[in-house]
C-alpha atoms as a PDB file:
ATOM      1  CA  UNK A   1     -10.213  -8.897  10.298  1.00  0.00           C
ATOM      2  CA  UNK A   2     -14.049  -9.594  10.546  1.00  0.00           C
ATOM      3  CA  UNK A   3     -13.544 -11.635  13.638  1.00  0.00           C
ATOM      4  CA  UNK A   4     -12.154  -8.858  15.744  1.00  0.00           C
ATOM      5  CA  UNK A   5     -14.182  -5.899  14.405  1.00  0.00           C
ATOM      6  CA  UNK A   6     -17.283  -6.621  12.522  1.00  0.00           C
ATOM      7  CA  UNK A   7     -17.312  -5.345   8.665  1.00  0.00           C
ATOM      8  CA  UNK A   8     -19.880  -2.812   9.550  1.00  0.00           C
ATOM      9  CA  UNK A   9     -17.747  -1.259  12.020  1.00  0.00           C
ATOM     10  CA  UNK A  10     -15.016  -1.210  10.218  1.00  0.00           C
ATOM     11  CA  UNK A  11     -16.477   0.497   7.752  1.00  0.00           C
ATOM     12  CA  UNK A  12     -17.975   3.197  10.120  1.00  0.00           C
ATOM     13  CA  UNK A  13     -14.388   4.136  11.201  1.00  0.00           C
ATOM     14  CA  UNK A  14     -13.939   5.538   7.991  1.00  0.00           C
ATOM     15  CA  UNK A  15     -16.987   7.295   7.316  1.00  0.00           C
ATOM     16  CA  UNK A  16     -16.882   9.525   4.391  1.00  0.00           C
ATOM     17  CA  UNK A  17     -13.201   7.877   3.052  1.00  0.00           C
ATOM     18  CA  UNK A  18     -11.668   9.498   5.996  1.00  0.00           C
ATOM     19  CA  UNK A  19     -10.284   7.706   8.914  1.00  0.00           C
ATOM     20  CA  UNK A  20     -12.131   8.649  12.184  1.00  0.00           C
ATOM     21  CA  UNK A  21     -10.549   9.149  15.560  1.00  0.00           C
ATOM     22  CA  UNK A  22     -10.686   5.498  16.321  1.00  0.00           C
ATOM     23  CA  UNK A  23      -9.225   4.359  13.154  1.00  0.00           C
ATOM     24  CA  UNK A  24      -6.264   6.899  13.450  1.00  0.00           C
ATOM     25  CA  UNK A  25      -5.404   5.435  16.720  1.00  0.00           C
ATOM     26  CA  UNK A  26      -5.124   1.997  15.406  1.00  0.00           C
ATOM     27  CA  UNK A  27      -3.343   3.258  12.397  1.00  0.00           C
ATOM     28  CA  UNK A  28      -0.567   4.600  14.400  1.00  0.00           C
ATOM     29  CA  UNK A  29      -0.220   1.304  16.440  1.00  0.00           C
ATOM     30  CA  UNK A  30      -0.033  -0.729  13.319  1.00  0.00           C
ATOM     31  CA  UNK A  31       2.234   1.759  11.725  1.00  0.00           C
ATOM     32  CA  UNK A  32       4.513   1.123  14.526  1.00  0.00           C
ATOM     33  CA  UNK A  33       4.303  -2.629  14.650  1.00  0.00           C
ATOM     34  CA  UNK A  34       4.799  -2.993  10.892  1.00  0.00           C
ATOM     35  CA  UNK A  35       7.457  -0.564  10.998  1.00  0.00           C
ATOM     36  CA  UNK A  36       9.365  -2.649  13.653  1.00  0.00           C
ATOM     37  CA  UNK A  37       8.921  -5.714  11.394  1.00  0.00           C
ATOM     38  CA  UNK A  38       6.604  -7.435  13.807  1.00  0.00           C
ATOM     39  CA  UNK A  39       4.121  -8.598  11.863  1.00  0.00           C
ATOM     40  CA  UNK A  40       4.278 -10.928   8.262  1.00  0.00           C
ATOM     41  CA  UNK A  41       6.279  -9.280   5.664  1.00  0.00           C
ATOM     42  CA  UNK A  42       3.465  -8.281   3.555  1.00  0.00           C
ATOM     43  CA  UNK A  43       2.516  -5.448   6.226  1.00  0.00           C
ATOM     44  CA  UNK A  44       4.616  -2.314   5.947  1.00  0.00           C
ATOM     45  CA  UNK A  45       4.585   1.216   6.859  1.00  0.00           C
ATOM     46  CA  UNK A  46       4.573   3.716   4.227  1.00  0.00           C
ATOM     47  CA  UNK A  47       6.533   6.758   4.818  1.00  0.00           C
ATOM     48  CA  UNK A  48       5.861   9.991   2.686  1.00  0.00           C
ATOM     49  CA  UNK A  49       6.144  13.722   3.054  1.00  0.00           C
ATOM     50  CA  UNK A  50       2.768  15.262   3.637  1.00  0.00           C
ATOM     51  CA  UNK A  51       1.813  17.607   0.707  1.00  0.00           C
ATOM     52  CA  UNK A  52       1.179  20.653   2.644  1.00  0.00           C
ATOM     53  CA  UNK A  53       3.365  20.453   5.722  1.00  0.00           C
ATOM     54  CA  UNK A  54       6.284  18.436   4.560  1.00  0.00           C
ATOM     55  CA  UNK A  55       6.251  16.447   7.581  1.00  0.00           C
ATOM     56  CA  UNK A  56       6.828  12.536   7.266  1.00  0.00           C
ATOM     57  CA  UNK A  57       3.499  10.832   7.653  1.00  0.00           C
ATOM     58  CA  UNK A  58       3.295   7.169   8.202  1.00  0.00           C
ATOM     59  CA  UNK A  59       0.493   4.600   6.946  1.00  0.00           C
ATOM     60  CA  UNK A  60       0.025   0.917   7.721  1.00  0.00           C
ATOM     61  CA  UNK A  61      -0.465  -0.939   4.457  1.00  0.00           C
ATOM     62  CA  UNK A  62      -0.718  -4.489   3.274  1.00  0.00           C
ATOM     63  CA  UNK A  63       1.202  -5.320  -0.149  1.00  0.00           C
ATOM     64  CA  UNK A  64      -0.161  -7.718  -2.449  1.00  0.00           C
ATOM     65  CA  UNK A  65       2.311  -9.693  -4.503  1.00  0.00           C
ATOM     66  CA  UNK A  66       1.768 -10.980  -8.148  1.00  0.00           C
ATOM     67  CA  UNK A  67       4.083 -12.397 -10.445  1.00  0.00           C
ATOM     68  CA  UNK A  68       7.336 -11.710  -8.510  1.00  0.00           C
ATOM     69  CA  UNK A  69       6.334  -7.870  -8.114  1.00  0.00           C
ATOM     70  CA  UNK A  70       4.793  -5.974  -5.227  1.00  0.00           C
ATOM     71  CA  UNK A  71       1.898  -3.544  -5.238  1.00  0.00           C
ATOM     72  CA  UNK A  72      -0.168  -1.153  -3.095  1.00  0.00           C
ATOM     73  CA  UNK A  73      -3.772  -0.436  -3.296  1.00  0.00           C
ATOM     74  CA  UNK A  74      -5.545   2.276  -1.303  1.00  0.00           C
ATOM     75  CA  UNK A  75      -8.438   0.477   0.417  1.00  0.00           C
ATOM     76  CA  UNK A  76     -10.231   3.842   0.549  1.00  0.00           C
ATOM     77  CA  UNK A  77      -9.682   4.735  -3.161  1.00  0.00           C
ATOM     78  CA  UNK A  78      -7.932   7.474  -4.793  1.00  0.00           C
ATOM     79  CA  UNK A  79      -8.800  10.455  -2.591  1.00  0.00           C
ATOM     80  CA  UNK A  80      -6.772   9.142   0.332  1.00  0.00           C
ATOM     81  CA  UNK A  81      -4.149  10.894   1.936  1.00  0.00           C
ATOM     82  CA  UNK A  82      -1.485   8.592   1.038  1.00  0.00           C
ATOM     83  CA  UNK A  83      -2.248   8.658  -2.344  1.00  0.00           C
ATOM     84  CA  UNK A  84      -2.474  12.148  -2.751  1.00  0.00           C
ATOM     85  CA  UNK A  85       0.829  12.520  -0.779  1.00  0.00           C
ATOM     86  CA  UNK A  86       2.827  10.201  -2.947  1.00  0.00           C
ATOM     87  CA  UNK A  87       1.484  11.806  -6.095  1.00  0.00           C
ATOM     88  CA  UNK A  88       2.692  15.097  -4.862  1.00  0.00           C
ATOM     89  CA  UNK A  89       5.970  13.846  -3.916  1.00  0.00           C
ATOM     90  CA  UNK A  90       6.562  12.000  -7.597  1.00  0.00           C
ATOM     91  CA  UNK A  91       5.976   8.679  -6.448  1.00  0.00           C
ATOM     92  CA  UNK A  92       8.814   8.671  -3.904  1.00  0.00           C
ATOM     93  CA  UNK A  93       8.452   7.088  -0.507  1.00  0.00           C
ATOM     94  CA  UNK A  94       9.783   4.774   2.076  1.00  0.00           C
ATOM     95  CA  UNK A  95       8.466   1.762   3.030  1.00  0.00           C
ATOM     96  CA  UNK A  96       9.478   0.394   6.412  1.00  0.00           C
ATOM     97  CA  UNK A  97       9.316  -3.286   7.593  1.00  0.00           C
ATOM     98  CA  UNK A  98      12.126  -3.667  10.073  1.00  0.00           C
ATOM     99  CA  UNK A  99      14.426  -1.256   8.197  1.00  0.00           C
ATOM    100  CA  UNK A 100      13.778   1.390   5.925  1.00  0.00           C
ATOM    101  CA  UNK A 101      13.723   1.175   1.928  1.00  0.00           C
ATOM    102  CA  UNK A 102      13.417   3.840  -0.276  1.00  0.00           C
ATOM    103  CA  UNK A 103      11.182   3.059  -3.104  1.00  0.00           C
ATOM    104  CA  UNK A 104       9.187   4.668  -6.414  1.00  0.00           C
ATOM    105  CA  UNK A 105       5.550   3.899  -6.349  1.00  0.00           C
ATOM    106  CA  UNK A 106       4.480   3.741 -10.003  1.00  0.00           C
ATOM    107  CA  UNK A 107       0.951   3.949 -10.727  1.00  0.00           C
ATOM    108  CA  UNK A 108      -0.534   1.843 -13.299  1.00  0.00           C
ATOM    109  CA  UNK A 109      -3.232   2.597 -15.961  1.00  0.00           C
ATOM    110  CA  UNK A 110      -6.892   1.804 -14.890  1.00  0.00           C
ATOM    111  CA  UNK A 111      -6.825  -0.749 -18.025  1.00  0.00           C
ATOM    112  CA  UNK A 112      -3.994  -2.950 -16.022  1.00  0.00           C
ATOM    113  CA  UNK A 113      -5.632  -2.688 -12.347  1.00  0.00           C
ATOM    114  CA  UNK A 114      -8.259  -5.421 -12.276  1.00  0.00           C
ATOM    115  CA  UNK A 115      -6.197  -8.729 -11.669  1.00  0.00           C
ATOM    116  CA  UNK A 116      -4.121  -6.768  -9.083  1.00  0.00           C
ATOM    117  CA  UNK A 117      -7.391  -5.433  -7.333  1.00  0.00           C
ATOM    118  CA  UNK A 118      -8.716  -8.979  -7.119  1.00  0.00           C
ATOM    119  CA  UNK A 119      -5.115 -10.274  -5.890  1.00  0.00           C
ATOM    120  CA  UNK A 120      -5.097  -7.303  -3.252  1.00  0.00           C
ATOM    121  CA  UNK A 121      -8.648  -8.319  -1.854  1.00  0.00           C
ATOM    122  CA  UNK A 122      -7.521 -12.057  -1.597  1.00  0.00           C
ATOM    123  CA  UNK A 123      -4.219 -11.038   0.402  1.00  0.00           C
ATOM    124  CA  UNK A 124      -5.306  -8.091   2.552  1.00  0.00           C
ATOM    125  CA  UNK A 125      -8.444  -8.895   4.576  1.00  0.00           C
ATOM    126  CA  UNK A 126      -8.784  -5.546   5.971  1.00  0.00           C
ATOM    127  CA  UNK A 127      -9.568  -4.135   2.758  1.00  0.00           C
ATOM    128  CA  UNK A 128     -12.699  -6.068   1.957  1.00  0.00           C
ATOM    129  CA  UNK A 129     -15.286  -4.352   3.808  1.00  0.00           C
ATOM    130  CA  UNK A 130     -14.086  -1.160   1.790  1.00  0.00           C
ATOM    131  CA  UNK A 131     -13.963  -2.296  -1.860  1.00  0.00           C
ATOM    132  CA  UNK A 132     -17.642  -3.616  -2.690  1.00  0.00           C
ATOM    133  CA  UNK A 133     -16.557  -6.442  -4.904  1.00  0.00           C
ATOM    134  CA  UNK A 134     -16.180  -9.880  -3.446  1.00  0.00           C
ATOM    135  CA  UNK A 135     -12.516 -11.316  -3.809  1.00  0.00           C
ATOM    136  CA  UNK A 136     -13.648 -14.121  -5.893  1.00  0.00           C
ATOM    137  CA  UNK A 137     -15.680 -11.972  -8.396  1.00  0.00           C
ATOM    138  CA  UNK A 138     -15.034 -12.026 -12.217  1.00  0.00           C
ATOM    139  CA  UNK A 139     -12.148  -9.659 -13.488  1.00  0.00           C
ATOM    140  CA  UNK A 140     -14.853  -7.663 -15.166  1.00  0.00           C
ATOM    141  CA  UNK A 141     -16.341  -6.460 -11.912  1.00  0.00           C
ATOM    142  CA  UNK A 142     -12.816  -5.454 -10.856  1.00  0.00           C
ATOM    143  CA  UNK A 143     -12.382  -3.762 -14.108  1.00  0.00           C
ATOM    144  CA  UNK A 144     -15.390  -1.604 -13.261  1.00  0.00           C
ATOM    145  CA  UNK A 145     -13.975  -0.019 -10.269  1.00  0.00           C
ATOM    146  CA  UNK A 146     -10.666   0.089 -11.415  1.00  0.00           C
ATOM    147  CA  UNK A 147     -10.884   3.926 -12.242  1.00  0.00           C
ATOM    148  CA  UNK A 148     -11.688   4.490  -8.428  1.00  0.00           C
ATOM    149  CA  UNK A 149      -8.794   2.438  -6.931  1.00  0.00           C
ATOM    150  CA  UNK A 150      -5.239   3.070  -8.122  1.00  0.00           C
ATOM    151  CA  UNK A 151      -2.744   0.366  -7.895  1.00  0.00           C
ATOM    152  CA  UNK A 152       0.748   1.265  -7.370  1.00  0.00           C
ATOM    153  CA  UNK A 153       3.787  -1.012  -8.384  1.00  0.00           C
ATOM    154  CA  UNK A 154       6.734  -0.842  -5.848  1.00  0.00           C
ATOM    155  CA  UNK A 155      10.146  -0.112  -7.406  1.00  0.00           C
ATOM    156  CA  UNK A 156      13.430   0.441  -5.901  1.00  0.00           C
ATOM    157  CA  UNK A 157      14.311   4.063  -5.810  1.00  0.00           C
ATOM    158  CA  UNK A 158      17.416   4.297  -8.007  1.00  0.00           C
ATOM    159  CA  UNK A 159      18.275   7.928  -7.147  1.00  0.00           C
ATOM    160  CA  UNK A 160      21.346   9.038  -5.411  1.00  0.00           C
ATOM    161  CA  UNK A 161      22.615   5.648  -5.151  1.00  0.00           C
ATOM    162  CA  UNK A 162      19.718   4.294  -3.282  1.00  0.00           C
ATOM    163  CA  UNK A 163      19.564   1.027  -4.906  1.00  0.00           C
ATOM    164  CA  UNK A 164      23.098   0.258  -4.273  1.00  0.00           C
ATOM    165  CA  UNK A 165      22.665   1.043  -0.350  1.00  0.00           C
ATOM    166  CA  UNK A 166      19.519  -1.168  -0.486  1.00  0.00           C
ATOM    167  CA  UNK A 167      21.455  -4.093  -1.910  1.00  0.00           C
ATOM    168  CA  UNK A 168      18.961  -3.938  -4.599  1.00  0.00           C
ATOM    169  CA  UNK A 169      19.512  -4.391  -8.587  1.00  0.00           C
ATOM    170  CA  UNK A 170      21.312  -2.366 -10.693  1.00  0.00           C
ATOM    171  CA  UNK A 171      20.092   1.371 -11.161  1.00  0.00           C
ATOM    172  CA  UNK A 172      17.073   1.363 -13.665  1.00  0.00           C
ATOM    173  CA  UNK A 173      16.380  -2.336 -12.953  1.00  0.00           C
ATOM    174  CA  UNK A 174      13.013  -3.294 -11.600  1.00  0.00           C
ATOM    175  CA  UNK A 175      12.793  -5.391  -8.487  1.00  0.00           C
ATOM    176  CA  UNK A 176      11.167  -8.631  -8.852  1.00  0.00           C
ATOM    177  CA  UNK A 177      12.315 -10.353  -5.474  1.00  0.00           C
ATOM    178  CA  UNK A 178       9.849 -12.562  -3.707  1.00  0.00           C
ATOM    179  CA  UNK A 179      10.343 -10.395  -0.647  1.00  0.00           C
ATOM    180  CA  UNK A 180       8.512  -7.173  -0.376  1.00  0.00           C
ATOM    181  CA  UNK A 181      10.794  -4.015  -0.736  1.00  0.00           C
ATOM    182  CA  UNK A 182      10.452  -3.096   3.065  1.00  0.00           C
ATOM    183  CA  UNK A 183      11.103  -6.576   4.408  1.00  0.00           C
ATOM    184  CA  UNK A 184      13.992  -7.050   6.303  1.00  0.00           C
ATOM    185  CA  UNK A 185      16.820  -9.370   5.180  1.00  0.00           C
END
């Protein structure tokens, strides 16, 4: 991302941890591209009801994978809108990449986040200007910021026969496939 937009300008688009007008325009465009499946598999559109309006909101996000599981990390930290909406909705959301997949985002305890935060920065370059730790830093540096940066494991939503509809594992099982939950088959 640094080649297209400098890190300084990218951070400026999110002054105060909130997306400015330019960032919102980019986000709308990327949400469409990712949702249609026109980007690599790790790029998805998260759909979740707004915590106040109940209207579906869409956020373009990059997934990190580690040991066969997929994770979402908010580059702007715990107070960003998609995190607040997911928490208000009990972790239930939809990931879209070519087709919609219902999922449950399970928040990990801060003590478990450091290796995933490092993996996220290695795999999602657009987040690097926002998380002030080098992607190759020791795990102790990631542990120091873990409280401010939630990590969510993506699991299939097993309610209402959703797992069967998605072609996932039996209800109650954790998805450990190599493809992200929103990837088109």
